[in-house]
Amino acid sequence: MKIAFAGKGGVGKTTLAAWTADLLARQGKSVWLVDADTALSLGQASGLAVGALPQPLILREDLIRERIGFGVIDLNPTVDDLPEKLCVELPCEGPGRKRLLVMGTVTGAGGGCACGPNALLKALLSHIVLDRDEWVLVDLEAGVEHLGRGTIQGVDALVVVSEPSHRGLETAASIGRMAADLGLENQVLALNRFAGGEIPALPGLPGTVMNLPFMPGLAAKQLADASVLGLPESEQVDRLVMQLLTALATGAKAQAA
């Protein structure tokens, strides 16, 4: 399954992506994590030390020139060998694997940007989503433009993460509308630290909703450690991820029917 995580900064989408990858790997799955957010924090959230983080692909001028060229650039570069060359293995307690690709900002990739770095990033993201028969989790920025109309056809589901505020939910609704316009209708809204109440009926807001409660163990750990794994609430985290995966699988079946 290919899952994209989106939401404005600070709402918990990277945390949820890291939790999902961790559970899948402990279940024996091979998981690719693609960090396409400007914050570039997915590796650290997954337990990787700062010094072990790879250089973002967007900064690899040598590779960009090799695959894209000069002047008239190649918009369809060969990238099938790059995931294994550029990835780093993430710590994993289980029989599976977690591999991280750090992309950097994919500015306007879905909008037909012809600059060399974005052409390479767009091609690599398309390859990971469309051609890899493995679990792929993509940590996006607020929108879904990174995926583009072609690539998003290979994404099975979108998780829109928001805090319970009107501004946050408006952003989530905007993301949901953009994704639906591109054909991705299997969506789940994950509300972080939601204490209850009536959710505004905003056009585009995903209809399937799950609650991510406040976790004291996570809050305490984040003061000293960027990792979101190994929490006192680990069993609760696993239950939440299973709830999410079940909702996404149900949505995928309904969409295919």
Protein backbone atom coordinates (compact mmCIF):
# COMPACT_ATOMS: atom_id res chain seq x y z
CA MET A 1 0.00 0.00 0.00
CA LYS A 2 1.16 3.55 -0.78
CA ILE A 3 0.09 6.15 1.79
CA ALA A 4 0.66 9.92 1.74
CA PHE A 5 0.59 11.96 4.94
CA ALA A 6 -0.23 15.67 4.68
CA GLY A 7 -1.07 18.56 6.98
CA LYS A 8 0.30 21.90 8.03
CA GLY A 9 3.42 22.06 10.17
CA GLY A 10 3.33 20.93 13.78
CA VAL A 11 0.14 18.89 13.65
CA GLY A 12 1.75 15.45 14.06
CA LYS A 13 1.79 14.02 10.53
CA THR A 14 5.48 13.08 10.68
CA THR A 15 4.90 11.40 14.03
CA LEU A 16 2.01 9.36 12.63
CA ALA A 17 4.05 8.38 9.55
CA ALA A 18 6.93 7.21 11.77
CA TRP A 19 4.55 5.21 13.98
CA THR A 20 2.96 3.56 10.94
CA ALA A 21 6.30 2.57 9.43
CA ASP A 22 7.51 1.18 12.74
CA LEU A 23 4.51 -1.09 13.24
CA LEU A 24 4.64 -2.34 9.64
CA ALA A 25 8.35 -3.16 9.92
CA ARG A 26 7.80 -5.02 13.20
CA GLN A 27 5.16 -7.05 11.34
CA GLY A 28 7.78 -8.06 8.78
CA LYS A 29 6.94 -5.55 6.03
CA SER A 30 9.49 -3.78 3.84
CA VAL A 31 8.75 -0.06 4.12
CA TRP A 32 10.06 2.93 2.17
CA LEU A 33 9.74 6.27 3.92
CA VAL A 34 9.97 9.31 1.68
CA ASP A 35 10.60 12.63 3.40
CA ALA A 36 9.26 15.31 1.05
CA ASP A 37 8.60 17.92 3.73
CA THR A 38 10.76 21.01 4.14
CA ALA A 39 11.21 20.23 7.84
CA LEU A 40 13.10 17.02 6.93
CA SER A 41 12.37 15.50 10.35
CA LEU A 42 11.09 12.02 9.43
CA GLY A 43 14.50 10.39 9.94
CA GLN A 44 14.97 11.78 13.43
CA ALA A 45 11.37 10.97 14.33
CA SER A 46 12.13 7.39 13.30
CA GLY A 47 15.16 7.15 15.60
CA LEU A 48 17.98 8.15 13.24
CA ALA A 49 20.77 10.29 14.67
CA VAL A 50 21.31 13.73 13.12
CA GLY A 51 24.77 12.76 11.89
CA ALA A 52 23.37 9.74 10.04
CA LEU A 53 20.85 11.72 8.00
CA PRO A 54 21.57 11.66 4.26
CA GLN A 55 21.98 14.82 2.23
CA PRO A 56 18.64 15.77 0.65
CA LEU A 57 18.45 14.81 -2.99
CA ILE A 58 17.53 18.39 -3.90
CA LEU A 59 21.10 19.39 -2.87
CA ARG A 60 22.90 16.67 -4.83
CA GLU A 61 24.07 18.85 -7.72
CA ASP A 62 26.41 16.12 -8.98
CA LEU A 63 23.58 13.63 -9.31
CA ILE A 64 21.20 16.20 -10.76
CA ARG A 65 23.69 17.09 -13.47
CA GLU A 66 24.44 13.42 -14.19
CA ARG A 67 20.78 12.44 -14.61
CA ILE A 68 19.20 15.66 -15.88
CA GLY A 69 22.02 17.29 -17.88
CA PHE A 70 22.54 20.91 -18.88
CA GLY A 71 20.58 23.27 -21.12
CA VAL A 72 17.78 21.16 -22.55
CA ILE A 73 17.15 18.90 -19.57
CA ASP A 74 15.93 15.32 -19.55
CA LEU A 75 12.46 15.30 -17.99
CA ASN A 76 12.41 11.47 -17.89
CA PRO A 77 15.70 10.56 -16.21
CA THR A 78 16.65 7.02 -15.24
CA VAL A 79 16.02 6.72 -11.50
CA ASP A 80 15.28 3.04 -10.81
CA ASP A 81 18.74 2.54 -9.30
CA LEU A 82 18.61 5.60 -7.04
CA PRO A 83 16.46 4.41 -4.11
CA GLU A 84 19.01 1.79 -3.03
CA LYS A 85 21.92 4.19 -3.62
CA LEU A 86 20.42 7.13 -1.73
CA CYS A 87 18.50 5.49 1.10
CA VAL A 88 19.61 4.92 4.66
CA GLU A 89 18.46 2.04 6.82
CA LEU A 90 16.44 3.07 9.83
CA PRO A 91 16.63 1.29 13.18
CA CYS A 92 14.12 -1.54 13.22
CA GLU A 93 13.02 -3.86 16.01
CA GLY A 94 11.55 -6.68 14.00
CA PRO A 95 11.90 -8.83 10.89
CA GLY A 96 11.03 -6.08 8.40
CA ARG A 97 12.97 -3.15 6.97
CA LYS A 98 12.62 0.62 7.05
CA ARG A 99 14.50 2.63 4.42
CA LEU A 100 14.49 6.41 4.28
CA LEU A 101 14.80 8.69 1.26
CA VAL A 102 15.23 12.40 1.96
CA MET A 103 13.98 14.42 -0.97
CA GLY A 104 13.95 18.05 0.10
CA THR A 105 11.44 20.58 -1.21
CA VAL A 106 9.65 19.47 -4.37
CA THR A 107 8.64 22.96 -5.43
CA GLY A 108 5.91 22.89 -8.03
CA ALA A 109 6.70 19.36 -9.13
CA GLY A 110 3.05 18.64 -9.80
CA GLY A 111 2.60 21.82 -11.75
CA GLY A 112 4.97 21.05 -14.57
CA CYS A 113 8.11 22.73 -13.23
CA ALA A 114 10.92 22.09 -15.72
CA CYS A 115 13.93 22.91 -13.52
CA GLY A 116 16.51 20.16 -13.14
CA PRO A 117 16.26 19.43 -9.40
CA ASN A 118 12.47 19.22 -9.44
CA ALA A 119 12.47 17.05 -12.55
CA LEU A 120 14.70 14.53 -10.78
CA LEU A 121 12.72 14.61 -7.55
CA LYS A 122 9.45 14.23 -9.40
CA ALA A 123 10.81 11.26 -11.38
CA LEU A 124 12.14 9.54 -8.26
CA LEU A 125 8.91 10.06 -6.33
CA SER A 126 6.91 8.71 -9.26
CA HIS A 127 9.15 5.64 -9.45
CA ILE A 128 8.83 4.90 -5.72
CA VAL A 129 5.04 5.28 -5.78
CA LEU A 130 4.25 3.67 -9.12
CA ASP A 131 6.91 1.01 -9.64
CA ARG A 132 7.81 -0.34 -6.22
CA ASP A 133 5.73 -3.28 -4.98
CA GLU A 134 6.37 -2.45 -1.33
CA TRP A 135 4.88 -0.29 1.38
CA VAL A 136 5.59 3.38 0.70
CA LEU A 137 4.85 6.19 3.17
CA VAL A 138 5.31 9.74 1.87
CA ASP A 139 5.57 12.62 4.33
CA LEU A 140 4.33 15.63 2.36
CA GLU A 141 4.00 19.32 3.08
CA ALA A 142 0.58 20.92 3.47
CA GLY A 143 -0.59 20.27 -0.09
CA VAL A 144 -0.51 17.34 -2.50
CA GLU A 145 1.00 19.19 -5.46
CA HIS A 146 4.22 17.24 -4.91
CA LEU A 147 2.55 14.11 -6.20
CA GLY A 148 1.18 15.47 -9.44
CA ARG A 149 -1.74 14.07 -11.38
CA GLY A 150 0.13 11.02 -12.68
CA THR A 151 1.86 9.98 -9.48
CA ILE A 152 -1.16 10.33 -7.24
CA GLN A 153 -2.89 7.62 -9.24
CA GLY A 154 -0.47 5.19 -7.61
CA VAL A 155 -1.24 6.37 -4.07
CA ASP A 156 -3.79 4.20 -2.30
CA ALA A 157 -4.70 6.57 0.50
CA LEU A 158 -4.19 9.98 2.04
CA VAL A 159 -3.95 10.70 5.75
CA VAL A 160 -4.74 14.34 6.51
CA VAL A 161 -3.52 15.31 9.98
CA SER A 162 -4.82 18.36 11.79
CA GLU A 163 -5.07 19.85 15.24
CA PRO A 164 -8.65 20.58 16.42
CA SER A 165 -8.84 24.22 15.39
CA HIS A 166 -10.88 25.93 12.72
CA ARG A 167 -7.75 27.16 10.94
CA GLY A 168 -6.21 23.71 10.99
CA LEU A 169 -9.40 22.08 9.75
CA GLU A 170 -9.68 24.62 6.93
CA THR A 171 -6.19 23.59 5.81
CA ALA A 172 -7.19 19.93 6.09
CA ALA A 173 -10.31 20.55 4.00
CA SER A 174 -8.24 22.31 1.34
CA ILE A 175 -5.86 19.33 1.19
CA GLY A 176 -8.79 16.94 0.96
CA ARG A 177 -10.32 18.89 -1.93
CA MET A 178 -7.04 19.03 -3.85
CA ALA A 179 -6.52 15.30 -3.43
CA ALA A 180 -10.08 14.49 -4.49
CA ASP A 181 -9.68 16.68 -7.57
CA LEU A 182 -6.64 14.56 -8.48
CA GLY A 183 -8.65 11.36 -8.00
CA LEU A 184 -7.52 10.36 -4.52
CA GLU A 185 -10.74 9.94 -2.55
CA ASN A 186 -9.62 7.34 0.01
CA GLN A 187 -8.86 9.74 2.86
CA VAL A 188 -8.77 9.69 6.63
CA LEU A 189 -8.71 12.74 8.88
CA ALA A 190 -6.49 12.24 11.95
CA LEU A 191 -7.29 14.80 14.64
CA ASN A 192 -4.41 15.29 17.04
CA ARG A 193 -5.19 16.03 20.71
CA PHE A 194 -8.93 16.20 20.01
CA ALA A 195 -10.90 16.51 23.27
CA GLY A 196 -14.33 16.11 21.69
CA GLY A 197 -16.95 18.40 20.27
CA GLU A 198 -18.61 18.95 16.91
CA ILE A 199 -16.32 19.03 13.88
CA PRO A 200 -17.26 21.80 11.40
CA ALA A 201 -18.81 20.55 8.16
CA LEU A 202 -16.18 21.99 5.81
CA PRO A 203 -16.31 20.99 2.12
CA GLY A 204 -13.43 18.66 1.36
CA LEU A 205 -12.84 17.50 4.91
CA PRO A 206 -12.37 13.68 4.93
CA GLY A 207 -15.43 11.91 6.24
CA THR A 208 -13.54 9.18 8.09
CA VAL A 209 -12.13 10.61 11.32
CA MET A 210 -9.84 9.16 13.98
CA ASN A 211 -8.62 10.75 17.19
CA LEU A 212 -4.98 10.92 18.28
CA PRO A 213 -5.17 11.63 22.03
CA PHE A 214 -2.62 13.59 23.99
CA MET A 215 0.20 11.33 25.19
CA PRO A 216 2.17 12.51 28.22
CA GLY A 217 5.01 10.11 27.41
CA LEU A 218 5.44 11.57 23.94
CA ALA A 219 5.33 15.13 25.26
CA ALA A 220 7.97 14.34 27.88
CA LYS A 221 10.28 12.52 25.47
CA GLN A 222 10.15 15.27 22.86
CA LEU A 223 11.86 17.66 25.27
CA ALA A 224 15.08 15.63 25.06
CA ASP A 225 14.79 13.33 22.02
CA ALA A 226 13.53 13.82 18.47
CA SER A 227 12.47 10.17 18.19
CA VAL A 228 8.77 9.43 18.60
CA LEU A 229 9.33 5.70 19.08
CA GLY A 230 9.73 3.66 22.26
CA LEU A 231 7.06 5.52 24.19
CA PRO A 232 5.34 4.42 27.40
CA GLU A 233 2.15 4.52 25.31
CA SER A 234 3.56 2.08 22.69
CA GLU A 235 0.63 -0.33 22.95
CA GLN A 236 -1.82 2.53 22.51
CA VAL A 237 0.18 3.77 19.51
CA ASP A 238 0.01 0.33 17.88
CA ARG A 239 -3.75 0.20 18.36
CA LEU A 240 -4.12 3.63 16.77
CA VAL A 241 -1.99 2.64 13.77
CA MET A 242 -3.98 -0.57 13.30
CA GLN A 243 -7.17 1.51 13.42
CA LEU A 244 -5.74 3.78 10.75
CA LEU A 245 -4.59 0.93 8.50
CA THR A 246 -7.96 -0.80 8.80
CA ALA A 247 -9.79 2.40 7.83
CA LEU A 248 -7.49 2.93 4.84
CA ALA A 249 -7.84 -0.67 3.67
CA THR A 250 -11.64 -0.44 3.95
CA GLY A 251 -11.60 2.80 1.95
CA ALA A 252 -9.39 1.27 -0.72
CA LYS A 253 -11.76 -1.68 -1.14
CA ALA A 254 -14.77 0.60 -1.33
CA GLN A 255 -13.09 2.78 -3.93
CA ALA A 256 -12.19 -0.26 -6.04
CA ALA A 257 -15.72 -1.69 -5.88
